[in-house]
Amino acid sequence: MRKLYFLLPGTTRSFYCGGLFAELNTIKLAKQICEVEVVTYRQREENHPFIDDLLQRVNLNHYIFVVSWGFDVPRQLKKLSRCHVVYHAHSSGYGFSVPPEVPILSVSRNTMGYWGSRSQNSLIYWLPNQLPAEVTNRQTNRDIDILVQARKSSEYVNRQLVPQLQQQFNVVVIDSFVDDLMALFNRAKIYLYDSAEYWVQYRLTEGFGLPPMEALACGCQVFSSINHALADYLDPGANCHKIAGYATGYDIQRITTVLENWQPNNLPESFFEPYRSKQLVPRLETILIELNQFFDYRQQYPSDIPSLTRQRRVYLFYKRLQSKLVKLRKAKT
């Protein structure tokens, strides 16, 4: 197999976010299959090669570059036009298109559907984010009634719901990076997550929504929005509760009922198995075998399937309109 180069802006604390950690987890999975290395492109780091230096190598056919940082992808695709490139797609809605020579790994079915419509000539695969084995219910004492992460929460949750809940319950609001979020999930009875408003502001989508899944795995009862990729696995009435349900009072009523009758969210391990490394590694290995076969083919043959460009959409629209007019004339005669 070709060696994989995962492009990251950097790996230091200034780049810490869910997307970075998800990508680093994917790298760990890939290392169980083939040779893998991190490459940085915004800052030089002692332990990783820098992209400009790496591209000086003569034969790039022996490598596959994996790009993932949404806002940077168009520039990277242009820079890597002579290389084999895979787009590891998290959030969607950035507005760019991916050419058919660039396969797409989608972290959610929601994202996969987006690219299946937008880049219908690209190879597309589903590779969900990993849920590490240590993300589990530790059976510890739960001294936090309600846990909230302020960063992606809506104004409704932060300014309207939480202040009222704080009058009755022990509510912990996280407003900075936490080294061990799983420890907090294992101390909390309820986790609130409402990201719909956050993503609308950026005109993007929730790429996977790992925190609610982590909270579920840790035994929390979850009140969450069901936007975008969250609908992949959240099922209100079955494994979670829908947040922002009609009125603040109704949310408080439902949250109070859960706390008064609290039981851990004991979902079976089979629910989380598709996101554990035991199933992800074989899935990724199958994908990588196909990608290597594809890049072998691409080196010898060009693409010959018309892409669904704006011009082609206009053409198809008028072709359909013309067909209707012809049928209408025939009907009149």
C-alpha atoms as a PDB file:
ATOM      1  CA  MET A   1       0.000   0.000   0.000  1.00  0.00           C
ATOM      2  CA  ARG A   2       1.019   3.593  -0.560  1.00  0.00           C
ATOM      3  CA  LYS A   3       2.127   5.570   2.460  1.00  0.00           C
ATOM      4  CA  LEU A   4      -0.470   7.977   3.852  1.00  0.00           C
ATOM      5  CA  TYR A   5       0.365  11.597   4.616  1.00  0.00           C
ATOM      6  CA  PHE A   6      -2.285  13.261   6.784  1.00  0.00           C
ATOM      7  CA  LEU A   7      -2.186  17.026   6.338  1.00  0.00           C
ATOM      8  CA  LEU A   8      -2.843  19.013   9.511  1.00  0.00           C
ATOM      9  CA  PRO A   9      -2.372  22.753  10.103  1.00  0.00           C
ATOM     10  CA  GLY A  10      -0.478  21.855  13.276  1.00  0.00           C
ATOM     11  CA  THR A  11      -0.701  19.601  16.306  1.00  0.00           C
ATOM     12  CA  THR A  12       0.083  21.985  19.160  1.00  0.00           C
ATOM     13  CA  ARG A  13      -2.406  23.300  21.704  1.00  0.00           C
ATOM     14  CA  SER A  14      -3.418  26.297  19.568  1.00  0.00           C
ATOM     15  CA  PHE A  15      -4.978  23.847  17.089  1.00  0.00           C
ATOM     16  CA  TYR A  16      -6.816  21.730  19.662  1.00  0.00           C
ATOM     17  CA  CYS A  17     -10.411  21.026  18.631  1.00  0.00           C
ATOM     18  CA  GLY A  18     -12.720  18.100  17.993  1.00  0.00           C
ATOM     19  CA  GLY A  19     -11.677  17.881  14.342  1.00  0.00           C
ATOM     20  CA  LEU A  20      -7.983  17.585  15.221  1.00  0.00           C
ATOM     21  CA  PHE A  21      -8.555  14.867  17.814  1.00  0.00           C
ATOM     22  CA  ALA A  22     -10.830  12.950  15.437  1.00  0.00           C
ATOM     23  CA  GLU A  23      -8.149  13.105  12.736  1.00  0.00           C
ATOM     24  CA  LEU A  24      -5.435  11.958  15.157  1.00  0.00           C
ATOM     25  CA  ASN A  25      -7.626   8.997  16.139  1.00  0.00           C
ATOM     26  CA  THR A  26      -8.060   8.096  12.453  1.00  0.00           C
ATOM     27  CA  ILE A  27      -4.286   8.238  12.061  1.00  0.00           C
ATOM     28  CA  LYS A  28      -3.902   5.730  14.901  1.00  0.00           C
ATOM     29  CA  LEU A  29      -6.311   3.393  13.103  1.00  0.00           C
ATOM     30  CA  ALA A  30      -4.488   3.770   9.777  1.00  0.00           C
ATOM     31  CA  LYS A  31      -1.134   2.973  11.413  1.00  0.00           C
ATOM     32  CA  GLN A  32      -2.452  -0.528  12.091  1.00  0.00           C
ATOM     33  CA  ILE A  33      -2.776  -1.056   8.325  1.00  0.00           C
ATOM     34  CA  CYS A  34      -0.016   0.803   6.511  1.00  0.00           C
ATOM     35  CA  GLU A  35       2.741   3.386   6.880  1.00  0.00           C
ATOM     36  CA  VAL A  36       1.379   6.751   8.035  1.00  0.00           C
ATOM     37  CA  GLU A  37       2.851  10.148   8.832  1.00  0.00           C
ATOM     38  CA  VAL A  38       1.508  13.551   9.895  1.00  0.00           C
ATOM     39  CA  VAL A  39       2.451  16.515   7.691  1.00  0.00           C
ATOM     40  CA  THR A  40       1.890  20.098   8.842  1.00  0.00           C
ATOM     41  CA  TYR A  41       1.187  23.034   6.550  1.00  0.00           C
ATOM     42  CA  ARG A  42       0.602  26.144   8.684  1.00  0.00           C
ATOM     43  CA  GLN A  43       3.431  25.847  11.153  1.00  0.00           C
ATOM     44  CA  ARG A  44       6.679  23.922  11.126  1.00  0.00           C
ATOM     45  CA  GLU A  45       7.015  21.346  13.883  1.00  0.00           C
ATOM     46  CA  GLU A  46      10.107  19.450  14.925  1.00  0.00           C
ATOM     47  CA  ASN A  47       8.490  16.006  14.879  1.00  0.00           C
ATOM     48  CA  HIS A  48       6.615  16.308  11.559  1.00  0.00           C
ATOM     49  CA  PRO A  49       7.624  17.149   7.963  1.00  0.00           C
ATOM     50  CA  PHE A  50       6.346  20.409   6.453  1.00  0.00           C
ATOM     51  CA  ILE A  51       4.316  20.192   3.253  1.00  0.00           C
ATOM     52  CA  ASP A  52       6.502  22.515   1.135  1.00  0.00           C
ATOM     53  CA  ASP A  53       9.589  20.440   1.945  1.00  0.00           C
ATOM     54  CA  LEU A  54       7.804  17.164   1.288  1.00  0.00           C
ATOM     55  CA  LEU A  55       6.598  18.192  -2.180  1.00  0.00           C
ATOM     56  CA  GLN A  56      10.202  18.533  -3.332  1.00  0.00           C
ATOM     57  CA  ARG A  57      10.373  14.746  -3.549  1.00  0.00           C
ATOM     58  CA  VAL A  58      10.553  13.437  -7.107  1.00  0.00           C
ATOM     59  CA  ASN A  59       8.160  10.463  -7.148  1.00  0.00           C
ATOM     60  CA  LEU A  60       4.899  11.346  -5.400  1.00  0.00           C
ATOM     61  CA  ASN A  61       3.022   8.386  -6.913  1.00  0.00           C
ATOM     62  CA  HIS A  62       4.030   6.253  -3.933  1.00  0.00           C
ATOM     63  CA  TYR A  63       2.037   8.393  -1.487  1.00  0.00           C
ATOM     64  CA  ILE A  64      -1.551   9.371  -0.722  1.00  0.00           C
ATOM     65  CA  PHE A  65      -2.227  12.765   0.829  1.00  0.00           C
ATOM     66  CA  VAL A  66      -5.248  13.018   3.151  1.00  0.00           C
ATOM     67  CA  VAL A  67      -6.726  16.516   3.485  1.00  0.00           C
ATOM     68  CA  SER A  68      -9.475  17.362   5.961  1.00  0.00           C
ATOM     69  CA  TRP A  69      -9.422  20.985   7.185  1.00  0.00           C
ATOM     70  CA  GLY A  70     -12.530  22.292   5.381  1.00  0.00           C
ATOM     71  CA  PHE A  71     -11.621  25.941   4.813  1.00  0.00           C
ATOM     72  CA  ASP A  72      -8.131  24.961   3.603  1.00  0.00           C
ATOM     73  CA  VAL A  73      -9.155  22.120   1.275  1.00  0.00           C
ATOM     74  CA  PRO A  74      -9.588  24.098  -2.010  1.00  0.00           C
ATOM     75  CA  ARG A  75      -6.101  25.573  -1.688  1.00  0.00           C
ATOM     76  CA  GLN A  76      -4.636  22.189  -0.772  1.00  0.00           C
ATOM     77  CA  LEU A  77      -6.308  20.426  -3.709  1.00  0.00           C
ATOM     78  CA  LYS A  78      -4.760  22.986  -6.024  1.00  0.00           C
ATOM     79  CA  LYS A  79      -1.348  22.615  -4.429  1.00  0.00           C
ATOM     80  CA  LEU A  80      -1.531  18.808  -4.581  1.00  0.00           C
ATOM     81  CA  SER A  81      -2.939  18.601  -8.122  1.00  0.00           C
ATOM     82  CA  ARG A  82      -0.056  16.324  -9.208  1.00  0.00           C
ATOM     83  CA  CYS A  83      -0.551  13.978  -6.248  1.00  0.00           C
ATOM     84  CA  HIS A  84      -2.940  11.255  -5.127  1.00  0.00           C
ATOM     85  CA  VAL A  85      -5.327  12.977  -2.715  1.00  0.00           C
ATOM     86  CA  VAL A  86      -8.190  11.819  -0.490  1.00  0.00           C
ATOM     87  CA  TYR A  87     -10.601  14.226   1.179  1.00  0.00           C
ATOM     88  CA  HIS A  88     -11.540  13.173   4.720  1.00  0.00           C
ATOM     89  CA  ALA A  89     -14.836  15.059   4.974  1.00  0.00           C
ATOM     90  CA  HIS A  90     -16.158  16.102   8.379  1.00  0.00           C
ATOM     91  CA  SER A  91     -18.519  19.092   8.204  1.00  0.00           C
ATOM     92  CA  SER A  92     -20.174  20.014   4.903  1.00  0.00           C
ATOM     93  CA  GLY A  93     -21.388  23.235   3.354  1.00  0.00           C
ATOM     94  CA  TYR A  94     -18.067  24.926   2.586  1.00  0.00           C
ATOM     95  CA  GLY A  95     -19.176  25.565  -0.982  1.00  0.00           C
ATOM     96  CA  PHE A  96     -16.275  24.025  -2.881  1.00  0.00           C
ATOM     97  CA  SER A  97     -16.453  21.013  -5.196  1.00  0.00           C
ATOM     98  CA  VAL A  98     -14.236  17.950  -5.217  1.00  0.00           C
ATOM     99  CA  PRO A  99     -12.986  16.684  -8.611  1.00  0.00           C
ATOM    100  CA  PRO A 100     -13.633  13.018  -9.546  1.00  0.00           C
ATOM    101  CA  GLU A 101      -9.951  12.124  -9.123  1.00  0.00           C
ATOM    102  CA  VAL A 102     -10.249  12.834  -5.371  1.00  0.00           C
ATOM    103  CA  PRO A 103     -12.067  10.100  -3.360  1.00  0.00           C
ATOM    104  CA  ILE A 104     -14.030  11.178  -0.294  1.00  0.00           C
ATOM    105  CA  LEU A 105     -14.094   9.565   3.158  1.00  0.00           C
ATOM    106  CA  SER A 106     -17.199  10.793   4.989  1.00  0.00           C
ATOM    107  CA  VAL A 107     -17.366  10.653   8.782  1.00  0.00           C
ATOM    108  CA  SER A 108     -21.182  10.544   8.788  1.00  0.00           C
ATOM    109  CA  ARG A 109     -23.981   9.407   6.525  1.00  0.00           C
ATOM    110  CA  ASN A 110     -25.248  12.986   6.508  1.00  0.00           C
ATOM    111  CA  THR A 111     -21.928  14.171   5.046  1.00  0.00           C
ATOM    112  CA  MET A 112     -21.829  11.193   2.683  1.00  0.00           C
ATOM    113  CA  GLY A 113     -25.245  12.152   1.312  1.00  0.00           C
ATOM    114  CA  TYR A 114     -24.092  15.749   0.816  1.00  0.00           C
ATOM    115  CA  TRP A 115     -21.095  14.685  -1.269  1.00  0.00           C
ATOM    116  CA  GLY A 116     -23.045  11.965  -3.030  1.00  0.00           C
ATOM    117  CA  SER A 117     -25.207  14.746  -4.436  1.00  0.00           C
ATOM    118  CA  ARG A 118     -22.475  17.349  -4.969  1.00  0.00           C
ATOM    119  CA  SER A 119     -19.618  15.158  -6.300  1.00  0.00           C
ATOM    120  CA  GLN A 120     -21.465  12.248  -7.837  1.00  0.00           C
ATOM    121  CA  ASN A 121     -18.418  11.099  -9.871  1.00  0.00           C
ATOM    122  CA  SER A 122     -16.089  10.761  -6.898  1.00  0.00           C
ATOM    123  CA  LEU A 123     -15.545   7.528  -5.023  1.00  0.00           C
ATOM    124  CA  ILE A 124     -17.260   7.968  -1.638  1.00  0.00           C
ATOM    125  CA  TYR A 125     -16.912   5.884   1.515  1.00  0.00           C
ATOM    126  CA  TRP A 126     -18.333   5.958   5.036  1.00  0.00           C
ATOM    127  CA  LEU A 127     -15.723   5.948   7.784  1.00  0.00           C
ATOM    128  CA  PRO A 128     -17.239   7.205  11.054  1.00  0.00           C
ATOM    129  CA  ASN A 129     -15.149   8.794  13.766  1.00  0.00           C
ATOM    130  CA  GLN A 130     -13.686   6.482  16.353  1.00  0.00           C
ATOM    131  CA  LEU A 131     -15.101   6.063  19.839  1.00  0.00           C
ATOM    132  CA  PRO A 132     -12.038   4.966  21.850  1.00  0.00           C
ATOM    133  CA  ALA A 133     -12.335   2.003  24.215  1.00  0.00           C
ATOM    134  CA  GLU A 134     -11.720   4.212  27.263  1.00  0.00           C
ATOM    135  CA  VAL A 135     -14.945   6.127  26.516  1.00  0.00           C
ATOM    136  CA  THR A 136     -17.226   4.075  28.723  1.00  0.00           C
ATOM    137  CA  ASN A 137     -19.293   4.167  31.901  1.00  0.00           C
ATOM    138  CA  ARG A 138     -16.792   3.988  34.767  1.00  0.00           C
ATOM    139  CA  GLN A 139     -19.558   3.361  37.322  1.00  0.00           C
ATOM    140  CA  THR A 140     -18.438   6.318  39.471  1.00  0.00           C
ATOM    141  CA  ASN A 141     -20.457   8.615  41.719  1.00  0.00           C
ATOM    142  CA  ARG A 142     -22.364  11.266  39.738  1.00  0.00           C
ATOM    143  CA  ASP A 143     -22.192  14.551  41.624  1.00  0.00           C
ATOM    144  CA  ILE A 144     -23.065  16.793  38.638  1.00  0.00           C
ATOM    145  CA  ASP A 145     -26.743  17.059  37.790  1.00  0.00           C
ATOM    146  CA  ILE A 146     -26.326  18.758  34.416  1.00  0.00           C
ATOM    147  CA  LEU A 147     -23.230  19.276  32.249  1.00  0.00           C
ATOM    148  CA  VAL A 148     -23.111  21.859  29.452  1.00  0.00           C
ATOM    149  CA  GLN A 149     -20.372  22.910  27.022  1.00  0.00           C
ATOM    150  CA  ALA A 150     -20.848  26.617  26.368  1.00  0.00           C
ATOM    151  CA  ARG A 151     -18.860  26.893  23.120  1.00  0.00           C
ATOM    152  CA  LYS A 152     -21.285  25.276  20.683  1.00  0.00           C
ATOM    153  CA  SER A 153     -24.447  25.735  22.716  1.00  0.00           C
ATOM    154  CA  SER A 154     -27.223  28.024  21.507  1.00  0.00           C
ATOM    155  CA  GLU A 155     -28.041  31.343  23.131  1.00  0.00           C
ATOM    156  CA  TYR A 156     -31.243  29.705  24.303  1.00  0.00           C
ATOM    157  CA  VAL A 157     -29.337  27.078  26.310  1.00  0.00           C
ATOM    158  CA  ASN A 158     -26.632  29.444  27.622  1.00  0.00           C
ATOM    159  CA  ARG A 159     -28.757  32.475  28.455  1.00  0.00           C
ATOM    160  CA  GLN A 160     -32.279  31.154  28.925  1.00  0.00           C
ATOM    161  CA  LEU A 161     -32.336  27.516  29.957  1.00  0.00           C
ATOM    162  CA  VAL A 162     -29.157  27.166  32.043  1.00  0.00           C
ATOM    163  CA  PRO A 163     -29.828  30.180  34.349  1.00  0.00           C
ATOM    164  CA  GLN A 164     -33.210  28.705  35.285  1.00  0.00           C
ATOM    165  CA  LEU A 165     -31.782  25.211  35.783  1.00  0.00           C
ATOM    166  CA  GLN A 166     -29.048  26.623  38.032  1.00  0.00           C
ATOM    167  CA  GLN A 167     -31.714  27.756  40.473  1.00  0.00           C
ATOM    168  CA  GLN A 168     -32.685  24.125  41.148  1.00  0.00           C
ATOM    169  CA  PHE A 169     -29.776  21.895  40.197  1.00  0.00           C
ATOM    170  CA  ASN A 170     -26.004  21.543  40.239  1.00  0.00           C
ATOM    171  CA  VAL A 171     -25.178  22.718  36.720  1.00  0.00           C
ATOM    172  CA  VAL A 172     -21.556  22.709  35.490  1.00  0.00           C
ATOM    173  CA  VAL A 173     -20.825  24.831  32.413  1.00  0.00           C
ATOM    174  CA  ILE A 174     -17.562  24.173  30.561  1.00  0.00           C
ATOM    175  CA  ASP A 175     -16.227  27.286  28.830  1.00  0.00           C
ATOM    176  CA  SER A 176     -12.613  26.224  28.140  1.00  0.00           C
ATOM    177  CA  PHE A 177     -10.633  23.195  26.962  1.00  0.00           C
ATOM    178  CA  VAL A 178     -10.838  20.186  29.305  1.00  0.00           C
ATOM    179  CA  ASP A 179      -8.077  17.562  29.339  1.00  0.00           C
ATOM    180  CA  ASP A 180     -10.359  14.730  30.500  1.00  0.00           C
ATOM    181  CA  LEU A 181     -13.910  15.329  29.291  1.00  0.00           C
ATOM    182  CA  MET A 182     -14.742  11.651  29.858  1.00  0.00           C
ATOM    183  CA  ALA A 183     -14.208  12.110  33.583  1.00  0.00           C
ATOM    184  CA  LEU A 184     -16.827  14.878  33.584  1.00  0.00           C
ATOM    185  CA  PHE A 185     -19.232  12.754  31.536  1.00  0.00           C
ATOM    186  CA  ASN A 186     -18.883  10.039  34.167  1.00  0.00           C
ATOM    187  CA  ARG A 187     -19.703  12.534  36.931  1.00  0.00           C
ATOM    188  CA  ALA A 188     -22.758  13.970  35.146  1.00  0.00           C
ATOM    189  CA  LYS A 189     -26.307  12.681  35.119  1.00  0.00           C
ATOM    190  CA  ILE A 190     -27.510  14.791  32.160  1.00  0.00           C
ATOM    191  CA  TYR A 191     -25.578  16.305  29.253  1.00  0.00           C
ATOM    192  CA  LEU A 192     -27.050  19.200  27.244  1.00  0.00           C
ATOM    193  CA  TYR A 193     -25.929  19.739  23.632  1.00  0.00           C
ATOM    194  CA  ASP A 194     -27.561  22.184  21.229  1.00  0.00           C
ATOM    195  CA  SER A 195     -25.330  22.907  18.210  1.00  0.00           C
ATOM    196  CA  ALA A 196     -27.909  23.734  15.502  1.00  0.00           C
ATOM    197  CA  GLU A 197     -27.623  27.511  15.991  1.00  0.00           C
ATOM    198  CA  TYR A 198     -23.805  27.355  16.084  1.00  0.00           C
ATOM    199  CA  TRP A 199     -23.484  25.656  12.697  1.00  0.00           C
ATOM    200  CA  VAL A 200     -26.121  27.855  11.047  1.00  0.00           C
ATOM    201  CA  GLN A 201     -23.980  30.900  11.858  1.00  0.00           C
ATOM    202  CA  TYR A 202     -21.112  29.430   9.810  1.00  0.00           C
ATOM    203  CA  ARG A 203     -23.400  27.964   7.129  1.00  0.00           C
ATOM    204  CA  LEU A 204     -21.853  24.567   7.843  1.00  0.00           C
ATOM    205  CA  THR A 205     -23.095  21.272   9.264  1.00  0.00           C
ATOM    206  CA  GLU A 206     -22.395  19.184  12.323  1.00  0.00           C
ATOM    207  CA  GLY A 207     -19.914  16.741  10.828  1.00  0.00           C
ATOM    208  CA  PHE A 208     -20.291  13.954  13.372  1.00  0.00           C
ATOM    209  CA  GLY A 209     -21.186  15.265  16.825  1.00  0.00           C
ATOM    210  CA  LEU A 210     -18.888  13.145  18.961  1.00  0.00           C
ATOM    211  CA  PRO A 211     -19.645  14.701  22.413  1.00  0.00           C
ATOM    212  CA  PRO A 212     -23.256  13.410  22.623  1.00  0.00           C
ATOM    213  CA  MET A 213     -22.094   9.930  21.620  1.00  0.00           C
ATOM    214  CA  GLU A 214     -19.301  10.049  24.200  1.00  0.00           C
ATOM    215  CA  ALA A 215     -21.819  11.171  26.822  1.00  0.00           C
ATOM    216  CA  LEU A 216     -24.128   8.279  25.918  1.00  0.00           C
ATOM    217  CA  ALA A 217     -21.244   5.801  26.162  1.00  0.00           C
ATOM    218  CA  CYS A 218     -20.389   7.212  29.597  1.00  0.00           C
ATOM    219  CA  GLY A 219     -23.956   6.611  30.822  1.00  0.00           C
ATOM    220  CA  CYS A 220     -25.350  10.161  30.654  1.00  0.00           C
ATOM    221  CA  GLN A 221     -28.913  10.952  29.753  1.00  0.00           C
ATOM    222  CA  VAL A 222     -28.542  13.272  26.733  1.00  0.00           C
ATOM    223  CA  PHE A 223     -30.699  16.228  25.734  1.00  0.00           C
ATOM    224  CA  SER A 224     -29.519  17.261  22.276  1.00  0.00           C
ATOM    225  CA  SER A 225     -30.407  18.958  19.035  1.00  0.00           C
ATOM    226  CA  ILE A 226     -30.863  16.527  16.125  1.00  0.00           C
ATOM    227  CA  ASN A 227     -29.274  18.578  13.343  1.00  0.00           C
ATOM    228  CA  HIS A 228     -27.203  17.161  10.498  1.00  0.00           C
ATOM    229  CA  ALA A 229     -24.986  14.187  11.452  1.00  0.00           C
ATOM    230  CA  LEU A 230     -26.472  13.948  14.946  1.00  0.00           C
ATOM    231  CA  ALA A 231     -29.453  12.304  13.262  1.00  0.00           C
ATOM    232  CA  ASP A 232     -27.117   9.446  12.260  1.00  0.00           C
ATOM    233  CA  TYR A 233     -27.292   7.958  15.717  1.00  0.00           C
ATOM    234  CA  LEU A 234     -29.510  10.033  18.037  1.00  0.00           C
ATOM    235  CA  ASP A 235     -33.086   8.773  18.376  1.00  0.00           C
ATOM    236  CA  PRO A 236     -35.324  10.894  20.659  1.00  0.00           C
ATOM    237  CA  GLY A 237     -37.545   8.708  22.784  1.00  0.00           C
ATOM    238  CA  ALA A 238     -35.180   5.772  22.369  1.00  0.00           C
ATOM    239  CA  ASN A 239     -31.665   6.858  23.337  1.00  0.00           C
ATOM    240  CA  CYS A 240     -31.912  10.613  23.983  1.00  0.00           C
ATOM    241  CA  HIS A 241     -34.228  13.609  24.416  1.00  0.00           C
ATOM    242  CA  LYS A 242     -34.673  16.499  21.987  1.00  0.00           C
ATOM    243  CA  ILE A 243     -33.462  19.805  23.468  1.00  0.00           C
ATOM    244  CA  ALA A 244     -35.269  23.119  22.844  1.00  0.00           C
ATOM    245  CA  GLY A 245     -38.636  21.385  22.773  1.00  0.00           C
ATOM    246  CA  TYR A 246     -41.243  24.083  22.216  1.00  0.00           C
ATOM    247  CA  ALA A 247     -40.786  26.073  25.452  1.00  0.00           C
ATOM    248  CA  THR A 248     -38.272  26.599  28.267  1.00  0.00           C
ATOM    249  CA  GLY A 249     -40.778  25.388  30.832  1.00  0.00           C
ATOM    250  CA  TYR A 250     -41.325  22.162  28.947  1.00  0.00           C
ATOM    251  CA  ASP A 251     -37.570  21.533  28.721  1.00  0.00           C
ATOM    252  CA  ILE A 252     -37.248  22.133  32.469  1.00  0.00           C
ATOM    253  CA  GLN A 253     -40.168  19.814  33.151  1.00  0.00           C
ATOM    254  CA  ARG A 254     -38.624  16.989  31.132  1.00  0.00           C
ATOM    255  CA  ILE A 255     -35.143  17.517  32.588  1.00  0.00           C
ATOM    256  CA  THR A 256     -36.570  17.567  36.122  1.00  0.00           C
ATOM    257  CA  THR A 257     -38.436  14.321  35.493  1.00  0.00           C
ATOM    258  CA  VAL A 258     -35.260  12.619  34.257  1.00  0.00           C
ATOM    259  CA  LEU A 259     -33.296  13.790  37.299  1.00  0.00           C
ATOM    260  CA  GLU A 260     -35.999  12.747  39.762  1.00  0.00           C
ATOM    261  CA  ASN A 261     -36.127   9.276  38.219  1.00  0.00           C
ATOM    262  CA  TRP A 262     -32.528   9.138  37.084  1.00  0.00           C
ATOM    263  CA  GLN A 263     -31.039   5.941  35.736  1.00  0.00           C
ATOM    264  CA  PRO A 264     -27.847   5.645  33.676  1.00  0.00           C
ATOM    265  CA  ASN A 265     -28.315   5.440  29.916  1.00  0.00           C
ATOM    266  CA  ASN A 266     -27.458   1.752  29.609  1.00  0.00           C
ATOM    267  CA  LEU A 267     -27.242   1.381  25.855  1.00  0.00           C
ATOM    268  CA  PRO A 268     -25.888  -2.011  24.772  1.00  0.00           C
ATOM    269  CA  GLU A 269     -22.289  -2.116  23.548  1.00  0.00           C
ATOM    270  CA  SER A 270     -23.629  -3.251  20.157  1.00  0.00           C
ATOM    271  CA  PHE A 271     -24.897   0.322  19.680  1.00  0.00           C
ATOM    272  CA  PHE A 272     -21.334   1.660  19.833  1.00  0.00           C
ATOM    273  CA  GLU A 273     -19.580  -1.203  18.010  1.00  0.00           C
ATOM    274  CA  PRO A 274     -19.610   0.447  14.531  1.00  0.00           C
ATOM    275  CA  TYR A 275     -17.549   3.273  16.049  1.00  0.00           C
ATOM    276  CA  ARG A 276     -15.021   1.132  17.908  1.00  0.00           C
ATOM    277  CA  SER A 277     -11.619   0.265  16.440  1.00  0.00           C
ATOM    278  CA  LYS A 278     -12.475  -3.445  16.177  1.00  0.00           C
ATOM    279  CA  GLN A 279     -14.883  -2.688  13.321  1.00  0.00           C
ATOM    280  CA  LEU A 280     -13.240   0.486  12.010  1.00  0.00           C
ATOM    281  CA  VAL A 281      -9.841  -1.032  11.249  1.00  0.00           C
ATOM    282  CA  PRO A 282     -11.193  -3.745   8.865  1.00  0.00           C
ATOM    283  CA  ARG A 283     -13.473  -1.138   7.245  1.00  0.00           C
ATOM    284  CA  LEU A 284     -10.555   1.243   6.723  1.00  0.00           C
ATOM    285  CA  GLU A 285      -8.357  -1.552   5.378  1.00  0.00           C
ATOM    286  CA  THR A 286     -10.975  -2.413   2.746  1.00  0.00           C
ATOM    287  CA  ILE A 287     -11.240   1.253   1.786  1.00  0.00           C
ATOM    288  CA  LEU A 288      -7.464   1.671   1.503  1.00  0.00           C
ATOM    289  CA  ILE A 289      -7.165  -1.397  -0.726  1.00  0.00           C
ATOM    290  CA  GLU A 290      -9.776   0.085  -3.075  1.00  0.00           C
ATOM    291  CA  LEU A 291      -8.109   3.513  -2.992  1.00  0.00           C
ATOM    292  CA  ASN A 292      -4.766   2.050  -3.989  1.00  0.00           C
ATOM    293  CA  GLN A 293      -6.430   0.180  -6.862  1.00  0.00           C
ATOM    294  CA  PHE A 294      -8.157   3.379  -7.937  1.00  0.00           C
ATOM    295  CA  PHE A 295      -4.943   5.414  -7.976  1.00  0.00           C
ATOM    296  CA  ASP A 296      -3.256   2.662 -10.005  1.00  0.00           C
ATOM    297  CA  TYR A 297      -6.039   3.009 -12.579  1.00  0.00           C
ATOM    298  CA  ARG A 298      -6.029   6.816 -12.478  1.00  0.00           C
ATOM    299  CA  GLN A 299      -2.326   6.921 -13.412  1.00  0.00           C
ATOM    300  CA  GLN A 300      -3.175   5.298 -16.753  1.00  0.00           C
ATOM    301  CA  TYR A 301      -6.685   6.470 -17.675  1.00  0.00           C
ATOM    302  CA  PRO A 302      -8.536   9.811 -17.586  1.00  0.00           C
ATOM    303  CA  SER A 303     -12.056  10.419 -16.253  1.00  0.00           C
ATOM    304  CA  ASP A 304     -14.750  10.376 -18.948  1.00  0.00           C
ATOM    305  CA  ILE A 305     -18.006  10.796 -16.962  1.00  0.00           C
ATOM    306  CA  PRO A 306     -19.604  14.278 -17.201  1.00  0.00           C
ATOM    307  CA  SER A 307     -19.666  16.113 -13.876  1.00  0.00           C
ATOM    308  CA  LEU A 308     -22.783  17.797 -12.565  1.00  0.00           C
ATOM    309  CA  THR A 309     -21.447  21.331 -13.022  1.00  0.00           C
ATOM    310  CA  ARG A 310     -23.633  24.454 -12.996  1.00  0.00           C
ATOM    311  CA  GLN A 311     -23.554  24.520 -16.800  1.00  0.00           C
ATOM    312  CA  ARG A 312     -24.659  20.881 -16.960  1.00  0.00           C
ATOM    313  CA  ARG A 313     -27.526  21.572 -14.540  1.00  0.00           C
ATOM    314  CA  VAL A 314     -28.707  24.393 -16.796  1.00  0.00           C
ATOM    315  CA  TYR A 315     -28.377  22.110 -19.811  1.00  0.00           C
ATOM    316  CA  LEU A 316     -30.400  19.324 -18.141  1.00  0.00           C
ATOM    317  CA  PHE A 317     -33.075  21.803 -17.022  1.00  0.00           C
ATOM    318  CA  TYR A 318     -33.607  23.182 -20.521  1.00  0.00           C
ATOM    319  CA  LYS A 319     -33.415  19.708 -22.050  1.00  0.00           C
ATOM    320  CA  ARG A 320     -36.221  18.600 -19.713  1.00  0.00           C
ATOM    321  CA  LEU A 321     -38.192  21.759 -20.490  1.00  0.00           C
ATOM    322  CA  GLN A 322     -37.751  21.218 -24.221  1.00  0.00           C
ATOM    323  CA  SER A 323     -38.948  17.613 -23.872  1.00  0.00           C
ATOM    324  CA  LYS A 324     -42.105  18.791 -22.083  1.00  0.00           C
ATOM    325  CA  LEU A 325     -42.799  21.383 -24.792  1.00  0.00           C
ATOM    326  CA  VAL A 326     -42.428  18.759 -27.515  1.00  0.00           C
ATOM    327  CA  LYS A 327     -44.900  16.470 -25.715  1.00  0.00           C
ATOM    328  CA  LEU A 328     -47.308  19.394 -25.258  1.00  0.00           C
ATOM    329  CA  ARG A 329     -47.228  20.234 -28.972  1.00  0.00           C
ATOM    330  CA  LYS A 330     -47.808  16.589 -29.911  1.00  0.00           C
ATOM    331  CA  ALA A 331     -50.770  16.440 -27.519  1.00  0.00           C
ATOM    332  CA  LYS A 332     -52.332  19.525 -29.154  1.00  0.00           C
ATOM    333  CA  THR A 333     -51.960  18.038 -32.608  1.00  0.00           C
END
